[in-house]
Amino acid sequence: MRIRIDPKRSSTNSTPKKAMSDSEKVNPQITDAVTQTNVSVVAAAPAQSMGVVYQNLAHALGISMQNAVIAQSSMQQIGTSVVGTVCAKIIEAGGMSPESSDTQAGNSGSNVPQKTSP
């Protein structure tokens, strides 16, 4: 059994599409504009990518400098607290006070040398 298709009843959107042949040419101004745009994009790509690389490098360098400053500041704080703790331990252990060091040295509280008579 064969099915017959009535051409009058077929859909109106089924018109065959024409393929673009070599005889149909595009306006040269259009092809030139597209070509110039493509060349412009391709020519600018290396400069733009290097700009991004330099921006990332500058950002990374800035962050590393900030980290170095913070680390140095933290080490200074630790050093200050260590010196304070060590001084407190020395005083607790009965170390020499400034008054006792002068009297033990025989200076009687003054760092100026005493004049002796001839």
Protein backbone atom coordinates (compact mmCIF):
# COMPACT_ATOMS: atom_id res chain seq x y z
CA MET A 1 0.00 0.00 0.00
CA ARG A 2 1.35 3.34 -1.00
CA ILE A 3 0.70 6.62 0.74
CA ARG A 4 0.13 9.52 -1.52
CA ILE A 5 1.04 13.04 -0.46
CA ASP A 6 -1.04 15.77 -1.88
CA PRO A 7 1.21 18.72 -2.82
CA LYS A 8 -1.61 21.18 -2.18
CA ARG A 9 -1.98 20.01 1.40
CA SER A 10 1.72 20.08 2.32
CA SER A 11 2.94 22.74 4.72
CA THR A 12 3.87 26.14 3.37
CA ASN A 13 7.21 26.17 5.23
CA SER A 14 8.66 23.35 3.23
CA THR A 15 10.06 25.47 0.44
CA PRO A 16 13.50 24.25 -0.51
CA LYS A 17 16.32 26.51 0.62
CA LYS A 18 18.69 27.75 -1.99
CA ALA A 19 22.34 27.16 -1.32
CA MET A 20 24.60 30.11 -1.87
CA SER A 21 26.40 29.53 -5.08
CA ASP A 22 29.60 31.05 -6.34
CA SER A 23 27.66 33.27 -8.68
CA GLU A 24 26.09 35.15 -5.75
CA LYS A 25 28.77 37.45 -4.39
CA VAL A 26 28.80 39.36 -1.14
CA ASN A 27 29.44 43.06 -1.23
CA PRO A 28 33.22 43.61 -1.00
CA GLN A 29 32.73 46.34 1.61
CA ILE A 30 31.08 43.81 3.91
CA THR A 31 33.84 41.25 3.53
CA ASP A 32 36.44 43.99 4.04
CA ALA A 33 34.73 45.19 7.24
CA VAL A 34 34.55 41.64 8.62
CA THR A 35 38.18 41.02 7.70
CA GLN A 36 39.32 44.25 9.35
CA THR A 37 37.39 43.42 12.51
CA ASN A 38 38.92 39.96 12.67
CA VAL A 39 42.42 41.34 12.12
CA SER A 40 41.86 43.98 14.80
CA VAL A 41 40.72 41.38 17.34
CA VAL A 42 43.57 39.00 16.54
CA ALA A 43 46.14 41.84 16.62
CA ALA A 44 44.95 43.16 19.99
CA ALA A 45 44.81 39.78 21.74
CA PRO A 46 48.53 39.50 22.65
CA ALA A 47 48.64 43.01 24.10
CA GLN A 48 45.49 42.44 26.13
CA SER A 49 46.72 39.11 27.44
CA MET A 50 50.06 40.63 28.47
CA GLY A 51 48.17 43.44 30.20
CA VAL A 52 46.27 40.86 32.21
CA VAL A 53 49.51 39.06 33.05
CA TYR A 54 51.13 42.30 34.27
CA GLN A 55 48.08 43.19 36.35
CA ASN A 56 48.14 39.76 38.00
CA LEU A 57 51.87 40.08 38.64
CA ALA A 58 51.46 43.50 40.25
CA HIS A 59 48.60 42.22 42.39
CA ALA A 60 50.57 39.19 43.56
CA LEU A 61 53.60 41.37 44.34
CA GLY A 62 51.46 43.76 46.36
CA ILE A 63 49.95 40.93 48.38
CA SER A 64 53.38 39.41 49.08
CA MET A 65 54.71 42.80 50.25
CA GLN A 66 51.70 43.18 52.52
CA ASN A 67 52.34 39.72 53.96
CA ALA A 68 55.99 40.63 54.59
CA VAL A 69 55.02 43.81 56.44
CA ILE A 70 52.50 41.94 58.59
CA ALA A 71 55.05 39.20 59.37
CA GLN A 72 57.68 41.78 60.36
CA SER A 73 55.20 43.60 62.58
CA SER A 74 54.16 40.34 64.24
CA MET A 75 57.78 39.39 64.91
CA GLN A 76 58.40 42.82 66.44
CA GLN A 77 55.44 42.32 68.79
CA ILE A 78 56.72 38.89 69.79
CA GLY A 79 60.22 40.28 70.39
CA THR A 80 58.89 43.08 72.58
CA SER A 81 56.85 40.70 74.71
CA VAL A 82 59.81 38.32 75.06
CA VAL A 83 62.07 41.13 76.29
CA GLY A 84 59.41 42.20 78.78
CA THR A 85 58.98 38.65 80.04
CA VAL A 86 62.73 38.10 80.37
CA CYS A 87 63.13 41.37 82.31
CA ALA A 88 60.29 40.31 84.64
CA LYS A 89 61.97 36.91 85.19
CA ILE A 90 65.29 38.56 85.99
CA ILE A 91 63.65 40.83 88.54
CA GLU A 92 61.75 37.90 90.08
CA ALA A 93 64.94 35.86 90.38
CA GLY A 94 66.53 38.58 92.49
CA GLY A 95 68.79 39.99 89.88
CA MET A 96 70.65 43.20 90.40
CA SER A 97 68.57 46.33 90.65
CA PRO A 98 69.99 49.62 89.37
CA GLU A 99 70.59 50.88 92.94
CA SER A 100 72.42 47.74 94.04
CA SER A 101 74.63 47.64 90.96
CA ASP A 102 75.92 51.17 91.63
CA THR A 103 76.74 50.48 95.28
CA GLN A 104 78.43 47.19 94.49
CA ALA A 105 80.65 48.86 91.96
CA GLY A 106 81.73 51.42 94.56
CA ASN A 107 80.38 54.42 92.73
CA SER A 108 78.03 55.51 95.52
CA GLY A 109 75.14 56.04 93.15
CA SER A 110 76.96 58.18 90.59
CA ASN A 111 78.52 57.17 87.31
CA VAL A 112 80.86 60.17 87.38
CA PRO A 113 84.42 59.22 88.37
CA GLN A 114 85.48 60.64 91.74
CA LYS A 115 88.41 63.04 91.89
CA THR A 116 91.19 61.90 94.12
CA SER A 117 93.63 64.27 95.77
CA PRO A 118 97.34 63.91 94.93
